[in-house]
Amino acid sequence: MNKMIATVCVISWSGFWAFGYLALTAGVENTGHVTVALLLAAAGLFTGVFTYLKIARSTDPQRWRHVRQSEQG
């Protein structure tokens, strides 16, 4: 399962960078292309962040469950 999540993470980040580049370099007259590229880049960003956090939580679960009390002084 972790390998599949890692693969989705890599593909998501690749899509984010590729479609983000397309959205930034598209001409102003191509508003349809910019909108679609921007939506796909946002989907890649959110999916990439979600899968990265899922991988990080599964590799070190104690770190994510640890609650720190604020220092008062």
PDB file of N, CA and C in Angstrom:
ATOM      1  N   MET A   1       0.825  -1.197   0.000  1.00  0.00           N
ATOM      2  CA  MET A   1       0.000   0.000   0.000  1.00  0.00           C
ATOM      3  C   MET A   1       0.866   1.257   0.000  1.00  0.00           C
ATOM      4  N   ASN A   2       1.979   1.230   0.777  1.00  0.00           N
ATOM      5  CA  ASN A   2       2.848   2.408   0.819  1.00  0.00           C
ATOM      6  C   ASN A   2       3.491   2.689  -0.532  1.00  0.00           C
ATOM      7  N   LYS A   3       3.793   1.621  -1.299  1.00  0.00           N
ATOM      8  CA  LYS A   3       4.387   1.836  -2.619  1.00  0.00           C
ATOM      9  C   LYS A   3       3.397   2.509  -3.563  1.00  0.00           C
ATOM     10  N   MET A   4       2.129   2.129  -3.454  1.00  0.00           N
ATOM     11  CA  MET A   4       1.117   2.752  -4.300  1.00  0.00           C
ATOM     12  C   MET A   4       0.937   4.220  -3.921  1.00  0.00           C
ATOM     13  N   ILE A   5       0.917   4.511  -2.632  1.00  0.00           N
ATOM     14  CA  ILE A   5       0.778   5.899  -2.180  1.00  0.00           C
ATOM     15  C   ILE A   5       1.991   6.714  -2.607  1.00  0.00           C
ATOM     16  N   ALA A   6       3.178   6.114  -2.532  1.00  0.00           N
ATOM     17  CA  ALA A   6       4.391   6.815  -2.968  1.00  0.00           C
ATOM     18  C   ALA A   6       4.354   7.092  -4.469  1.00  0.00           C
ATOM     19  N   THR A   7       3.853   6.150  -5.243  1.00  0.00           N
ATOM     20  CA  THR A   7       3.738   6.350  -6.688  1.00  0.00           C
ATOM     21  C   THR A   7       2.740   7.462  -7.000  1.00  0.00           C
ATOM     22  N   VAL A   8       1.615   7.465  -6.307  1.00  0.00           N
ATOM     23  CA  VAL A   8       0.624   8.533  -6.500  1.00  0.00           C
ATOM     24  C   VAL A   8       1.220   9.878  -6.101  1.00  0.00           C
ATOM     25  N   CYS A   9       2.028   9.890  -5.047  1.00  0.00           N
ATOM     26  CA  CYS A   9       2.667  11.131  -4.598  1.00  0.00           C
ATOM     27  C   CYS A   9       3.587  11.687  -5.682  1.00  0.00           C
ATOM     28  N   VAL A  10       4.411  10.834  -6.264  1.00  0.00           N
ATOM     29  CA  VAL A  10       5.343  11.286  -7.303  1.00  0.00           C
ATOM     30  C   VAL A  10       4.588  11.772  -8.536  1.00  0.00           C
ATOM     31  N   ILE A  11       3.566  11.039  -8.942  1.00  0.00           N
ATOM     32  CA  ILE A  11       2.788  11.445 -10.117  1.00  0.00           C
ATOM     33  C   ILE A  11       2.055  12.757  -9.850  1.00  0.00           C
ATOM     34  N   SER A  12       1.546  12.925  -8.628  1.00  0.00           N
ATOM     35  CA  SER A  12       0.830  14.162  -8.285  1.00  0.00           C
ATOM     36  C   SER A  12       1.753  15.365  -8.331  1.00  0.00           C
ATOM     37  N   TRP A  13       2.942  15.233  -7.731  1.00  0.00           N
ATOM     38  CA  TRP A  13       3.874  16.358  -7.753  1.00  0.00           C
ATOM     39  C   TRP A  13       4.358  16.649  -9.176  1.00  0.00           C
ATOM     40  N   SER A  14       4.538  15.608  -9.974  1.00  0.00           N
ATOM     41  CA  SER A  14       4.927  15.827 -11.375  1.00  0.00           C
ATOM     42  C   SER A  14       3.832  16.585 -12.124  1.00  0.00           C
ATOM     43  N   GLY A  15       2.579  16.192 -11.891  1.00  0.00           N
ATOM     44  CA  GLY A  15       1.461  16.899 -12.523  1.00  0.00           C
ATOM     45  C   GLY A  15       1.367  18.333 -12.057  1.00  0.00           C
ATOM     46  N   PHE A  16       1.616  18.552 -10.772  1.00  0.00           N
ATOM     47  CA  PHE A  16       1.589  19.924 -10.252  1.00  0.00           C
ATOM     48  C   PHE A  16       2.607  20.797 -10.969  1.00  0.00           C
ATOM     49  N   TRP A  17       3.842  20.301 -11.064  1.00  0.00           N
ATOM     50  CA  TRP A  17       4.882  21.117 -11.705  1.00  0.00           C
ATOM     51  C   TRP A  17       4.640  21.284 -13.199  1.00  0.00           C
ATOM     52  N   ALA A  18       4.207  20.224 -13.866  1.00  0.00           N
ATOM     53  CA  ALA A  18       3.988  20.313 -15.314  1.00  0.00           C
ATOM     54  C   ALA A  18       2.828  21.246 -15.643  1.00  0.00           C
ATOM     55  N   PHE A  19       1.685  21.038 -15.000  1.00  0.00           N
ATOM     56  CA  PHE A  19       0.527  21.877 -15.310  1.00  0.00           C
ATOM     57  C   PHE A  19       0.670  23.283 -14.733  1.00  0.00           C
ATOM     58  N   GLY A  20       1.388  23.419 -13.648  1.00  0.00           N
ATOM     59  CA  GLY A  20       1.681  24.757 -13.134  1.00  0.00           C
ATOM     60  C   GLY A  20       2.519  25.558 -14.112  1.00  0.00           C
ATOM     61  N   TYR A  21       3.506  24.891 -14.714  1.00  0.00           N
ATOM     62  CA  TYR A  21       4.328  25.555 -15.726  1.00  0.00           C
ATOM     63  C   TYR A  21       3.483  25.951 -16.933  1.00  0.00           C
ATOM     64  N   LEU A  22       2.612  25.037 -17.357  1.00  0.00           N
ATOM     65  CA  LEU A  22       1.745  25.354 -18.491  1.00  0.00           C
ATOM     66  C   LEU A  22       0.818  26.519 -18.182  1.00  0.00           C
ATOM     67  N   ALA A  23       0.306  26.569 -16.959  1.00  0.00           N
ATOM     68  CA  ALA A  23      -0.591  27.669 -16.580  1.00  0.00           C
ATOM     69  C   ALA A  23       0.159  28.996 -16.554  1.00  0.00           C
ATOM     70  N   LEU A  24       1.403  28.974 -16.108  1.00  0.00           N
ATOM     71  CA  LEU A  24       2.174  30.218 -16.032  1.00  0.00           C
ATOM     72  C   LEU A  24       2.651  30.709 -17.390  1.00  0.00           C
ATOM     73  N   THR A  25       2.926  29.787 -18.305  1.00  0.00           N
ATOM     74  CA  THR A  25       3.496  30.199 -19.586  1.00  0.00           C
ATOM     75  C   THR A  25       2.462  30.336 -20.696  1.00  0.00           C
ATOM     76  N   ALA A  26       1.203  29.998 -20.433  1.00  0.00           N
ATOM     77  CA  ALA A  26       0.169  30.133 -21.463  1.00  0.00           C
ATOM     78  C   ALA A  26      -0.099  31.614 -21.717  1.00  0.00           C
ATOM     79  N   GLY A  27      -0.481  31.896 -22.908  1.00  0.00           N
ATOM     80  CA  GLY A  27      -0.781  33.282 -23.263  1.00  0.00           C
ATOM     81  C   GLY A  27      -2.057  33.768 -22.596  1.00  0.00           C
ATOM     82  N   VAL A  28      -2.189  35.074 -22.530  1.00  0.00           N
ATOM     83  CA  VAL A  28      -3.349  35.682 -21.884  1.00  0.00           C
ATOM     84  C   VAL A  28      -4.621  35.379 -22.670  1.00  0.00           C
ATOM     85  N   GLU A  29      -4.510  35.233 -23.968  1.00  0.00           N
ATOM     86  CA  GLU A  29      -5.689  34.992 -24.790  1.00  0.00           C
ATOM     87  C   GLU A  29      -6.244  33.574 -24.642  1.00  0.00           C
ATOM     88  N   ASN A  30      -5.478  32.667 -24.045  1.00  0.00           N
ATOM     89  CA  ASN A  30      -5.919  31.284 -23.868  1.00  0.00           C
ATOM     90  C   ASN A  30      -6.464  31.077 -22.459  1.00  0.00           C
ATOM     91  N   THR A  31      -7.545  31.737 -22.127  1.00  0.00           N
ATOM     92  CA  THR A  31      -8.074  31.636 -20.769  1.00  0.00           C
ATOM     93  C   THR A  31      -8.588  30.239 -20.449  1.00  0.00           C
ATOM     94  N   GLY A  32      -9.115  29.545 -21.442  1.00  0.00           N
ATOM     95  CA  GLY A  32      -9.591  28.179 -21.227  1.00  0.00           C
ATOM     96  C   GLY A  32      -8.452  27.243 -20.866  1.00  0.00           C
ATOM     97  N   HIS A  33      -7.340  27.382 -21.573  1.00  0.00           N
ATOM     98  CA  HIS A  33      -6.174  26.544 -21.312  1.00  0.00           C
ATOM     99  C   HIS A  33      -5.575  26.846 -19.938  1.00  0.00           C
ATOM    100  N   VAL A  34      -5.544  28.117 -19.597  1.00  0.00           N
ATOM    101  CA  VAL A  34      -4.998  28.522 -18.303  1.00  0.00           C
ATOM    102  C   VAL A  34      -5.861  27.970 -17.173  1.00  0.00           C
ATOM    103  N   THR A  35      -7.174  28.037 -17.327  1.00  0.00           N
ATOM    104  CA  THR A  35      -8.081  27.561 -16.290  1.00  0.00           C
ATOM    105  C   THR A  35      -7.938  26.054 -16.075  1.00  0.00           C
ATOM    106  N   VAL A  36      -7.901  25.308 -17.163  1.00  0.00           N
ATOM    107  CA  VAL A  36      -7.770  23.851 -17.052  1.00  0.00           C
ATOM    108  C   VAL A  36      -6.418  23.483 -16.448  1.00  0.00           C
ATOM    109  N   ALA A  37      -5.357  24.120 -16.907  1.00  0.00           N
ATOM    110  CA  ALA A  37      -4.026  23.835 -16.368  1.00  0.00           C
ATOM    111  C   ALA A  37      -3.946  24.208 -14.894  1.00  0.00           C
ATOM    112  N   LEU A  38      -4.565  25.307 -14.513  1.00  0.00           N
ATOM    113  CA  LEU A  38      -4.561  25.729 -13.117  1.00  0.00           C
ATOM    114  C   LEU A  38      -5.328  24.746 -12.238  1.00  0.00           C
ATOM    115  N   LEU A  39      -6.464  24.268 -12.710  1.00  0.00           N
ATOM    116  CA  LEU A  39      -7.234  23.283 -11.946  1.00  0.00           C
ATOM    117  C   LEU A  39      -6.478  21.964 -11.799  1.00  0.00           C
ATOM    118  N   LEU A  40      -5.821  21.520 -12.868  1.00  0.00           N
ATOM    119  CA  LEU A  40      -5.040  20.287 -12.787  1.00  0.00           C
ATOM    120  C   LEU A  40      -3.819  20.455 -11.879  1.00  0.00           C
ATOM    121  N   ALA A  41      -3.194  21.631 -11.910  1.00  0.00           N
ATOM    122  CA  ALA A  41      -2.065  21.890 -11.023  1.00  0.00           C
ATOM    123  C   ALA A  41      -2.516  21.913  -9.562  1.00  0.00           C
ATOM    124  N   ALA A  42      -3.667  22.496  -9.302  1.00  0.00           N
ATOM    125  CA  ALA A  42      -4.192  22.520  -7.931  1.00  0.00           C
ATOM    126  C   ALA A  42      -4.531  21.114  -7.449  1.00  0.00           C
ATOM    127  N   ALA A  43      -5.107  20.295  -8.332  1.00  0.00           N
ATOM    128  CA  ALA A  43      -5.405  18.907  -7.968  1.00  0.00           C
ATOM    129  C   ALA A  43      -4.121  18.147  -7.660  1.00  0.00           C
ATOM    130  N   GLY A  44      -3.072  18.381  -8.453  1.00  0.00           N
ATOM    131  CA  GLY A  44      -1.782  17.748  -8.189  1.00  0.00           C
ATOM    132  C   GLY A  44      -1.175  18.212  -6.882  1.00  0.00           C
ATOM    133  N   LEU A  45      -1.331  19.492  -6.583  1.00  0.00           N
ATOM    134  CA  LEU A  45      -0.797  20.035  -5.327  1.00  0.00           C
ATOM    135  C   LEU A  45      -1.489  19.406  -4.125  1.00  0.00           C
ATOM    136  N   PHE A  46      -2.813  19.413  -4.119  1.00  0.00           N
ATOM    137  CA  PHE A  46      -3.548  18.878  -2.977  1.00  0.00           C
ATOM    138  C   PHE A  46      -3.327  17.380  -2.812  1.00  0.00           C
ATOM    139  N   THR A  47      -3.323  16.648  -3.922  1.00  0.00           N
ATOM    140  CA  THR A  47      -3.084  15.209  -3.842  1.00  0.00           C
ATOM    141  C   THR A  47      -1.658  14.920  -3.389  1.00  0.00           C
ATOM    142  N   GLY A  48      -0.703  15.696  -3.868  1.00  0.00           N
ATOM    143  CA  GLY A  48       0.695  15.512  -3.464  1.00  0.00           C
ATOM    144  C   GLY A  48       0.912  15.787  -1.996  1.00  0.00           C
ATOM    145  N   VAL A  49       0.320  16.844  -1.492  1.00  0.00           N
ATOM    146  CA  VAL A  49       0.464  17.166  -0.065  1.00  0.00           C
ATOM    147  C   VAL A  49      -0.208  16.095   0.790  1.00  0.00           C
ATOM    148  N   PHE A  50      -1.401  15.660   0.392  1.00  0.00           N
ATOM    149  CA  PHE A  50      -2.129  14.639   1.152  1.00  0.00           C
ATOM    150  C   PHE A  50      -1.345  13.331   1.196  1.00  0.00           C
ATOM    151  N   THR A  51      -0.822  12.886   0.057  1.00  0.00           N
ATOM    152  CA  THR A  51      -0.085  11.627   0.038  1.00  0.00           C
ATOM    153  C   THR A  51       1.251  11.757   0.764  1.00  0.00           C
ATOM    154  N   TYR A  52       1.899  12.910   0.687  1.00  0.00           N
ATOM    155  CA  TYR A  52       3.143  13.108   1.424  1.00  0.00           C
ATOM    156  C   TYR A  52       2.906  13.004   2.929  1.00  0.00           C
ATOM    157  N   LEU A  53       1.857  13.629   3.404  1.00  0.00           N
ATOM    158  CA  LEU A  53       1.543  13.552   4.830  1.00  0.00           C
ATOM    159  C   LEU A  53       1.180  12.128   5.242  1.00  0.00           C
ATOM    160  N   LYS A  54       0.491  11.411   4.376  1.00  0.00           N
ATOM    161  CA  LYS A  54       0.139  10.027   4.670  1.00  0.00           C
ATOM    162  C   LYS A  54       1.404   9.170   4.776  1.00  0.00           C
ATOM    163  N   ILE A  55       2.360   9.380   3.890  1.00  0.00           N
ATOM    164  CA  ILE A  55       3.627   8.644   3.951  1.00  0.00           C
ATOM    165  C   ILE A  55       4.397   9.021   5.209  1.00  0.00           C
ATOM    166  N   ALA A  56       4.443  10.300   5.524  1.00  0.00           N
ATOM    167  CA  ALA A  56       5.188  10.759   6.705  1.00  0.00           C
ATOM    168  C   ALA A  56       4.591  10.194   7.986  1.00  0.00           C
ATOM    169  N   ARG A  57       3.282  10.126   8.058  1.00  0.00           N
ATOM    170  CA  ARG A  57       2.633   9.596   9.254  1.00  0.00           C
ATOM    171  C   ARG A  57       2.836   8.096   9.387  1.00  0.00           C
ATOM    172  N   SER A  58       2.908   7.385   8.271  1.00  0.00           N
ATOM    173  CA  SER A  58       3.060   5.932   8.352  1.00  0.00           C
ATOM    174  C   SER A  58       4.495   5.521   8.668  1.00  0.00           C
ATOM    175  N   THR A  59       5.475   6.352   8.341  1.00  0.00           N
ATOM    176  CA  THR A  59       6.859   5.979   8.602  1.00  0.00           C
ATOM    177  C   THR A  59       7.277   6.243  10.039  1.00  0.00           C
ATOM    178  N   ASP A  60       6.718   7.247  10.684  1.00  0.00           N
ATOM    179  CA  ASP A  60       7.082   7.576  12.063  1.00  0.00           C
ATOM    180  C   ASP A  60       5.825   7.942  12.851  1.00  0.00           C
ATOM    181  N   PRO A  61       5.022   6.930  13.236  1.00  0.00           N
ATOM    182  CA  PRO A  61       3.748   7.245  13.894  1.00  0.00           C
ATOM    183  C   PRO A  61       3.911   7.866  15.279  1.00  0.00           C
ATOM    184  N   GLN A  62       4.991   7.568  15.989  1.00  0.00           N
ATOM    185  CA  GLN A  62       5.185   8.133  17.327  1.00  0.00           C
ATOM    186  C   GLN A  62       5.358   9.646  17.264  1.00  0.00           C
ATOM    187  N   ARG A  63       5.986  10.124  16.230  1.00  0.00           N
ATOM    188  CA  ARG A  63       6.212  11.561  16.100  1.00  0.00           C
ATOM    189  C   ARG A  63       4.901  12.316  15.931  1.00  0.00           C
ATOM    190  N   TRP A  64       3.946  11.722  15.250  1.00  0.00           N
ATOM    191  CA  TRP A  64       2.676  12.390  14.991  1.00  0.00           C
ATOM    192  C   TRP A  64       1.719  12.293  16.162  1.00  0.00           C
ATOM    193  N   ARG A  65       1.940  11.326  17.070  1.00  0.00           N
ATOM    194  CA  ARG A  65       1.058  11.169  18.226  1.00  0.00           C
ATOM    195  C   ARG A  65       1.566  11.919  19.443  1.00  0.00           C
ATOM    196  N   HIS A  66       2.783  12.381  19.381  1.00  0.00           N
ATOM    197  CA  HIS A  66       3.400  13.051  20.516  1.00  0.00           C
ATOM    198  C   HIS A  66       2.804  14.453  20.691  1.00  0.00           C
ATOM    199  N   VAL A  67       2.351  14.732  21.886  1.00  0.00           N
ATOM    200  CA  VAL A  67       1.777  16.045  22.187  1.00  0.00           C
ATOM    201  C   VAL A  67       2.760  16.790  23.080  1.00  0.00           C
ATOM    202  N   ARG A  68       3.110  17.968  22.690  1.00  0.00           N
ATOM    203  CA  ARG A  68       4.048  18.778  23.467  1.00  0.00           C
ATOM    204  C   ARG A  68       3.291  19.854  24.218  1.00  0.00           C
ATOM    205  N   GLN A  69       3.629  20.003  25.478  1.00  0.00           N
ATOM    206  CA  GLN A  69       3.048  21.087  26.239  1.00  0.00           C
ATOM    207  C   GLN A  69       3.857  22.345  25.993  1.00  0.00           C
ATOM    208  N   SER A  70       3.164  23.447  25.913  1.00  0.00           N
ATOM    209  CA  SER A  70       3.862  24.707  25.696  1.00  0.00           C
ATOM    210  C   SER A  70       4.669  25.087  26.927  1.00  0.00           C
ATOM    211  N   GLU A  71       5.803  25.670  26.657  1.00  0.00           N
ATOM    212  CA  GLU A  71       6.668  26.092  27.768  1.00  0.00           C
ATOM    213  C   GLU A  71       6.157  27.409  28.325  1.00  0.00           C
ATOM    214  N   GLN A  72       5.999  27.427  29.627  1.00  0.00           N
ATOM    215  CA  GLN A  72       5.550  28.645  30.280  1.00  0.00           C
ATOM    216  C   GLN A  72       6.698  29.131  31.174  1.00  0.00           C
ATOM    217  N   GLY A  73       7.004  30.368  31.071  1.00  0.00           N
ATOM    218  CA  GLY A  73       8.119  30.811  31.884  1.00  0.00           C
ATOM    219  C   GLY A  73       8.092  32.212  32.130  1.00  0.00           C
TER     220      GLY A  73
END
